[in-house]
Protein backbone atom coordinates (compact mmCIF):
# COMPACT_ATOMS: atom_id res chain seq x y z
CA MET A 1 42.10 32.80 -64.52
CA SER A 2 41.60 34.79 -61.38
CA ARG A 3 41.68 33.20 -57.96
CA GLY A 4 38.49 34.61 -56.51
CA TYR A 5 36.71 37.94 -56.70
CA ALA A 6 39.50 40.00 -55.15
CA ALA A 7 41.96 38.88 -57.79
CA LEU A 8 43.85 42.19 -57.68
CA PRO A 9 43.54 43.33 -54.05
CA GLY A 10 46.03 46.18 -54.45
CA ILE A 11 43.59 47.99 -56.70
CA ALA A 12 41.20 48.62 -53.80
CA ALA A 13 43.70 50.77 -51.98
CA ALA A 14 44.62 52.60 -55.18
CA LEU A 15 41.00 53.46 -55.98
CA GLY A 16 40.12 54.55 -52.47
CA PHE A 17 36.52 54.82 -51.30
CA TRP A 18 33.30 56.65 -52.02
CA CYS A 19 33.23 60.34 -51.23
CA GLY A 20 30.76 63.22 -51.18
CA CYS A 21 32.91 65.32 -53.51
CA ALA A 22 31.57 67.78 -56.05
CA ALA A 23 30.25 66.51 -59.33
CA THR A 24 32.76 66.23 -62.16
CA PRO A 25 31.92 68.48 -65.15
CA PRO A 26 31.17 66.76 -68.47
CA ALA A 27 34.10 66.05 -70.76
CA GLN A 28 34.46 68.56 -73.60
CA ARG A 29 35.33 65.99 -76.24
CA ALA A 30 32.74 63.36 -77.05
CA SER A 31 33.72 59.72 -77.23
CA ALA A 32 32.65 57.48 -80.11
CA PRO A 33 28.85 57.18 -79.99
CA LEU A 34 27.32 53.99 -78.66
CA VAL A 35 24.80 52.07 -80.75
CA THR A 36 21.46 53.08 -79.20
CA PRO A 37 18.24 51.95 -80.87
CA GLY A 38 15.21 54.20 -80.96
CA LEU A 39 12.91 56.01 -83.35
CA ALA A 40 13.10 59.80 -83.27
CA PRO A 41 9.75 61.40 -82.34
CA SER A 42 7.86 63.33 -84.96
CA ALA A 43 7.52 67.13 -84.90
CA ALA A 44 3.97 66.72 -83.62
CA GLU A 45 5.11 64.46 -80.80
CA ARG A 46 7.82 66.89 -79.75
CA ALA A 47 5.38 69.80 -79.80
CA ALA A 48 3.06 67.87 -77.47
CA VAL A 49 5.77 67.10 -74.89
CA PRO A 50 7.11 69.89 -72.66
CA SER A 51 10.84 70.43 -72.45
CA ALA A 52 12.64 69.43 -69.30
CA ARG A 53 12.79 71.92 -66.48
CA ALA A 54 16.00 73.88 -65.98
CA PRO A 55 18.76 71.96 -64.15
CA GLU A 56 18.14 71.69 -60.43
CA PRO A 57 20.92 72.92 -58.16
CA ALA A 58 23.18 70.21 -56.80
CA LEU A 59 21.90 69.09 -53.41
CA PRO A 60 24.34 68.95 -50.48
CA PRO A 61 25.14 65.56 -48.98
CA THR A 62 22.57 64.61 -46.33
CA ALA A 63 24.13 61.36 -45.08
CA PRO A 64 27.59 60.16 -44.11
CA ASP A 65 29.92 59.28 -46.99
CA LEU A 66 29.35 55.77 -48.30
CA GLN A 67 32.47 53.73 -47.65
CA LEU A 68 32.91 51.35 -50.57
CA GLU A 69 36.01 49.26 -51.14
CA VAL A 70 36.59 48.52 -54.82
CA ALA A 71 38.59 45.58 -56.20
CA GLN A 72 39.54 44.91 -59.83
CA VAL A 73 38.71 41.35 -60.80
CA LEU A 74 39.61 41.23 -64.53
CA SER A 75 41.76 43.52 -66.67
CA LEU A 76 40.06 42.71 -70.01
CA PRO A 77 37.81 45.40 -71.54
CA VAL A 78 34.18 44.62 -70.63
CA SER A 79 31.03 45.63 -72.53
CA SER A 80 28.31 43.64 -70.72
CA ILE A 81 27.83 41.89 -67.36
CA ALA A 82 25.15 39.43 -66.21
CA LEU A 83 24.50 38.19 -62.68
CA GLY A 84 23.17 34.67 -62.30
CA GLU A 85 21.82 32.71 -59.39
CA GLY A 86 24.05 32.28 -56.36
CA THR A 87 27.37 34.02 -57.02
CA ARG A 88 27.49 33.38 -60.78
CA VAL A 89 28.76 36.24 -62.97
CA ALA A 90 29.13 36.30 -66.78
CA VAL A 91 31.17 38.92 -68.62
CA LEU A 92 31.17 39.88 -72.30
CA SER A 93 34.83 40.39 -73.11
CA ASP A 94 37.24 38.84 -75.59
CA PRO A 95 36.96 36.00 -74.75
CA PRO A 96 33.75 35.91 -72.68
CA GLN A 97 34.23 34.93 -69.02
CA VAL A 98 32.14 33.23 -66.36
CA GLY A 99 32.88 32.98 -62.67
CA ASP A 100 31.80 32.86 -59.05
CA GLU A 101 33.49 33.40 -55.68
CA ARG A 102 36.10 30.79 -56.65
CA GLY A 103 37.30 32.74 -59.68
CA PHE A 104 36.74 33.28 -63.41
CA HIS A 105 37.55 31.25 -66.50
CA ALA A 106 37.30 31.94 -70.22
CA LEU A 107 34.50 30.67 -72.47
CA PRO A 108 36.05 31.16 -75.95
CA LEU A 109 33.74 31.48 -78.93
CA PRO A 110 34.30 28.91 -81.68
CA ALA A 111 35.56 30.24 -85.00
CA SER A 112 32.17 29.52 -86.59
CA LEU A 113 30.47 32.10 -84.34
CA ARG A 114 33.09 34.86 -84.33
CA ALA A 115 32.52 37.96 -86.47
CA LYS A 116 34.32 38.01 -89.79
CA ALA A 117 35.86 40.95 -91.63
CA GLY A 118 33.22 43.62 -92.26
CA GLU A 119 30.86 42.31 -89.55
CA VAL A 120 30.04 44.22 -86.36
CA ASP A 121 28.25 42.68 -83.36
CA ASP A 122 25.92 44.65 -81.07
CA VAL A 123 25.30 42.07 -78.34
CA ARG A 124 24.88 41.62 -74.59
CA ILE A 125 25.42 38.72 -72.23
CA TYR A 126 22.71 37.23 -70.00
CA PHE A 127 21.98 34.13 -67.95
CA GLY A 128 19.25 31.72 -68.97
CA ARG A 129 16.90 29.73 -66.76
CA ASP A 130 19.56 27.02 -66.44
CA ASN A 131 22.05 29.51 -64.92
CA GLU A 132 24.24 29.21 -68.03
CA PRO A 133 25.21 32.23 -70.20
CA ARG A 134 23.45 33.45 -73.32
CA ILE A 135 24.61 36.09 -75.83
CA MET A 136 21.85 37.92 -77.69
CA GLY A 137 21.77 40.78 -80.16
CA THR A 138 22.54 41.75 -83.74
CA ARG A 139 25.32 41.15 -86.27
CA ARG A 140 25.62 43.82 -88.94
CA ALA A 141 27.36 43.60 -92.29
CA GLY A 142 26.71 46.77 -94.28
CA ASN A 143 22.93 47.24 -94.32
CA ILE A 144 22.21 43.61 -93.48
CA GLU A 145 21.30 42.56 -89.92
CA ARG A 146 21.32 39.00 -88.62
CA PRO A 147 20.06 37.67 -85.28
CA ILE A 148 22.47 36.40 -82.63
CA TYR A 149 21.23 34.04 -79.92
CA TRP A 150 24.02 31.86 -78.60
CA ARG A 151 23.69 29.41 -75.74
CA HIS A 152 26.51 28.02 -73.61
CA THR A 153 26.48 24.54 -72.09
CA THR A 154 29.16 22.83 -70.04
CA ALA A 155 29.24 19.88 -72.42
CA ALA A 156 29.21 21.67 -75.79
CA GLY A 157 30.42 25.22 -75.17
CA TRP A 158 28.86 28.01 -77.26
CA ARG A 159 26.39 27.15 -80.02
CA ASP A 160 23.46 28.68 -81.87
CA GLY A 161 20.53 28.38 -79.47
CA ARG A 162 17.68 29.92 -81.44
CA GLU A 163 15.50 26.87 -80.86
CA GLU A 164 14.82 28.45 -77.44
CA ILE A 165 12.98 31.44 -78.90
CA GLY A 166 10.29 29.84 -81.03
CA GLN A 167 9.28 31.68 -84.19
CA LEU A 168 11.88 34.41 -83.58
CA GLY A 169 14.57 31.79 -84.18
CA GLY A 170 13.95 31.77 -87.91
CA PRO A 171 16.22 33.13 -90.65
CA ALA A 172 14.65 36.61 -90.96
CA ALA A 173 17.23 39.36 -91.59
CA ALA A 174 16.80 41.35 -88.39
CA GLY A 175 18.47 41.47 -85.00
CA LEU A 176 17.19 40.51 -81.55
CA TRP A 177 16.87 42.55 -78.35
CA GLY A 178 15.27 42.20 -74.93
CA VAL A 179 16.24 40.85 -71.52
CA LEU A 180 16.93 37.32 -70.24
CA GLY A 181 17.36 35.86 -66.77
CA ALA A 182 15.94 33.73 -63.99
CA VAL A 183 13.36 36.36 -62.94
CA ASP A 184 10.01 36.52 -64.75
CA PRO A 185 9.42 37.72 -67.36
CA GLU A 186 12.08 37.31 -70.02
CA LEU A 187 11.63 39.25 -73.26
CA VAL A 188 12.93 38.55 -76.76
CA CYS A 189 11.95 40.89 -79.62
CA ARG A 190 12.60 41.41 -83.30
CA ALA A 191 11.81 44.90 -84.59
CA GLY A 192 9.04 44.93 -87.17
CA ALA A 193 7.84 41.53 -86.02
CA LEU A 194 6.93 40.49 -82.49
CA CYS A 195 8.09 40.15 -78.91
CA ILE A 196 7.93 36.93 -76.92
CA ILE A 197 7.16 37.54 -73.24
CA LYS A 198 8.46 34.39 -71.54
CA ARG A 199 7.22 33.31 -68.12
CA ILE A 200 7.64 29.99 -66.35
CA SER A 201 3.86 29.65 -66.58
CA GLY A 202 3.86 30.16 -70.36
CA TRP A 203 4.64 32.46 -73.29
CA LYS A 204 2.72 35.39 -74.74
CA THR A 205 3.45 37.36 -77.88
CA ALA A 206 3.02 41.07 -78.55
CA PRO A 207 3.75 43.44 -81.45
CA ALA A 208 7.36 44.60 -81.29
CA GLY A 209 6.95 47.92 -83.07
CA ALA A 210 9.08 49.32 -85.85
CA GLU A 211 12.31 50.01 -83.93
CA PRO A 212 14.45 48.25 -81.31
CA ARG A 213 14.41 49.52 -77.72
CA GLN A 214 16.65 49.31 -74.75
CA VAL A 215 14.88 47.19 -72.11
CA VAL A 216 15.07 46.87 -68.33
CA LEU A 217 13.08 44.63 -65.99
CA GLN A 218 12.11 46.35 -62.74
CA ASN A 219 9.78 44.87 -60.10
CA GLY A 220 8.28 42.48 -62.62
CA VAL A 221 7.58 45.21 -65.21
CA LEU A 222 9.35 45.42 -68.58
CA TRP A 223 10.25 48.99 -69.56
CA GLY A 224 11.53 49.99 -73.01
CA LEU A 225 13.35 53.17 -74.04
CA SER A 226 13.17 54.89 -77.39
CA ALA A 227 13.73 58.52 -78.38
CA SER A 228 10.01 59.21 -77.88
CA GLY A 229 10.06 58.13 -74.22
CA ILE A 230 9.68 55.16 -71.88
CA SER A 231 7.05 52.51 -72.57
CA SER A 232 5.75 49.35 -70.91
CA ILE A 233 4.64 46.23 -72.75
CA ASP A 234 1.74 43.81 -72.47
CA ALA A 235 -0.01 41.48 -74.91
CA HIS A 236 -1.20 44.49 -76.95
CA GLY A 237 2.32 45.84 -77.49
CA TRP A 238 4.28 48.85 -76.25
CA ALA A 239 2.36 51.70 -74.61
CA LEU A 240 4.04 55.04 -73.92
CA ALA A 241 4.14 55.57 -70.14
CA ILE A 242 6.50 58.57 -69.80
CA PRO A 243 6.80 60.88 -72.86
CA ALA A 244 10.30 62.20 -73.55
CA PRO A 245 11.32 65.81 -73.00
CA ALA A 246 13.39 67.59 -75.66
CA TRP A 247 16.59 65.59 -75.36
CA ALA A 248 19.36 64.36 -77.62
CA GLU A 249 19.59 60.67 -78.48
CA PRO A 250 19.16 58.66 -75.25
CA ARG A 251 21.96 56.26 -74.33
CA ALA A 252 20.84 54.53 -71.12
CA PHE A 253 17.95 54.50 -68.65
CA TRP A 254 16.41 53.09 -65.49
CA ALA A 255 12.70 53.12 -64.72
CA THR A 256 10.15 52.02 -62.17
CA GLU A 257 6.57 53.11 -61.51
CA GLY A 258 6.55 56.92 -61.43
CA GLU A 259 10.36 57.31 -61.41
CA ALA A 260 12.94 57.24 -64.19
CA TRP A 261 16.47 58.29 -65.14
CA VAL A 262 17.71 58.78 -68.72
CA SER A 263 21.17 59.81 -69.91
CA THR A 264 22.36 61.21 -73.23
CA GLU A 265 26.02 61.70 -74.05
CA HIS A 266 26.34 64.91 -71.99
CA GLU A 267 23.00 65.19 -70.16
CA LEU A 268 21.15 63.51 -67.31
CA PHE A 269 17.37 63.64 -66.80
CA ARG A 270 15.22 62.56 -63.86
CA PHE A 271 11.48 61.89 -63.98
CA HIS A 272 10.07 62.57 -60.53
CA GLU A 273 6.67 63.71 -59.24
CA GLY A 274 5.22 63.71 -62.75
CA ALA A 275 7.83 65.87 -64.49
CA TRP A 276 11.27 65.67 -66.08
CA SER A 277 14.17 67.73 -64.76
CA ALA A 278 17.70 68.11 -66.10
CA VAL A 279 20.15 67.11 -63.34
CA PRO A 280 23.85 68.05 -63.10
CA LEU A 281 26.05 65.17 -64.20
CA PRO A 282 27.91 63.46 -61.34
CA LEU A 283 30.39 62.07 -63.91
CA PRO A 284 31.03 62.54 -67.65
CA GLU A 285 29.42 60.55 -70.45
CA PRO A 286 27.07 58.26 -68.47
CA THR A 287 26.34 54.94 -70.15
CA SER A 288 24.56 52.59 -67.72
CA PHE A 289 22.16 52.55 -64.74
CA TRP A 290 21.21 49.91 -62.21
CA GLY A 291 18.95 50.08 -59.17
CA LEU A 292 16.36 48.27 -57.09
CA THR A 293 14.58 51.28 -55.60
CA ALA A 294 14.11 54.95 -56.48
CA THR A 295 16.32 55.87 -53.51
CA SER A 296 19.24 53.67 -54.54
CA VAL A 297 20.22 54.09 -58.20
CA TRP A 298 23.71 53.52 -59.59
CA LEU A 299 25.26 55.16 -62.65
CA ALA A 300 28.42 54.33 -64.61
CA GLY A 301 30.28 56.54 -67.06
CA LYS A 302 33.63 57.94 -68.03
CA GLY A 303 36.04 57.82 -65.14
CA GLY A 304 33.89 56.15 -62.55
CA VAL A 305 30.58 55.26 -60.97
CA ALA A 306 28.06 57.20 -58.89
CA HIS A 307 25.30 56.37 -56.41
CA PHE A 308 22.04 58.31 -55.91
CA ASP A 309 20.54 57.90 -52.44
CA GLY A 310 17.30 59.75 -53.07
CA GLN A 311 18.86 63.14 -52.32
CA SER A 312 22.23 63.44 -54.07
CA PHE A 313 24.93 61.58 -55.96
CA ARG A 314 28.26 60.44 -54.53
CA THR A 315 31.00 59.49 -56.95
CA ASN A 316 33.98 57.15 -57.04
CA VAL A 317 36.80 57.58 -59.54
CA VAL A 318 37.72 54.39 -61.43
CA PRO A 319 40.21 54.40 -64.32
CA GLY A 320 38.80 54.33 -67.84
CA GLN A 321 35.37 54.50 -69.43
CA MET A 322 32.83 52.43 -67.51
CA ARG A 323 30.27 50.88 -69.85
CA ILE A 324 27.98 48.81 -67.62
CA ILE A 325 26.88 48.52 -63.98
CA VAL A 326 24.73 45.82 -62.35
CA GLY A 327 24.16 44.65 -58.79
CA ARG A 328 22.40 42.43 -56.30
CA ALA A 329 20.06 43.24 -53.43
CA ASN A 330 22.74 42.20 -50.91
CA GLY A 331 24.81 45.27 -51.87
CA GLU A 332 27.20 43.57 -54.31
CA ILE A 333 27.94 45.92 -57.23
CA TRP A 334 29.69 44.95 -60.47
CA PHE A 335 30.83 47.43 -63.10
CA GLY A 336 33.11 47.27 -66.10
CA GLY A 337 34.48 49.09 -69.10
CA SER A 338 37.68 49.77 -70.99
CA SER A 339 39.91 49.12 -67.98
CA GLY A 340 38.33 45.86 -66.85
CA LEU A 341 35.84 44.36 -64.41
CA PHE A 342 35.39 45.70 -60.86
CA ARG A 343 33.48 44.51 -57.79
CA ALA A 344 32.41 46.44 -54.71
CA VAL A 345 30.17 45.78 -51.73
CA ALA A 346 27.91 48.43 -50.21
CA GLY A 347 25.18 48.06 -47.63
CA PRO A 348 22.14 45.95 -48.60
CA VAL A 349 19.64 47.77 -50.84
CA ARG A 350 16.43 48.60 -48.95
């Protein structure tokens, strides 16, 4: 157990601070591909969508370097992070962890829930409305998929919590995907079936479509990524909002009204002023975005994290492959990957 967020204070000095250094070129050797859902667009769809513009030249820094002190909090490999109310943080590691400003402690999975030989889990961690963790996703065994929706309570630990998701909690052989949290709306979907759009005021259902999507919630709007582009959802289902350019399989994205970022294994694309542009990578193999505004977007990837201020990226080297980055409006940033969990504090997001 750590004794507070700055559990390893010596790491901050070792990692240094943010700088306006030149972008790092992409790695030449690809890492193992991440599991990224999405249906490839048809030939007709690709013909109807223009390719991205040529890469824009890197813009020079236009503001003072962002001074950001980084501290390592956990040394376990991390694949997912959730931020709850107050200072609550949940981490998908082995075992899962939960913490606050007082420190972290393990939430071990019971043997009955752990994957067995031949099973592979594609899951993420979230907080529910009760500020307790949830784990949601898919368990695969060969060609068979099973839903995972586990709920943690202080009294009982981890258990199957599918009673929380209505008709999607049944035994159908398909995984779950979406986004959970204290902010409306939550979304739980099963490909080929339906999505439940959960608000405090009530639930609505919508067609889920044939394939899973990556999902982000931004300013009250649910956005979903597939290989054909970025869509929004309402009671009628998913509607394509930003068609994709000619890109390889997308790995991660961030979107808001009229603005979007999408990364592939070795490419970065920005949607701005009605068009896509290929942008030089600020770090290799980007895997995760987080942001509250179009002029403050964070990116995590191999060897570090980067911040876009509306004009240019500034990078910070952190050991290992970063997998996930999340944050709060007060400037608290959390990121994690193969080398552990890290916390930093920047200025408040405006």
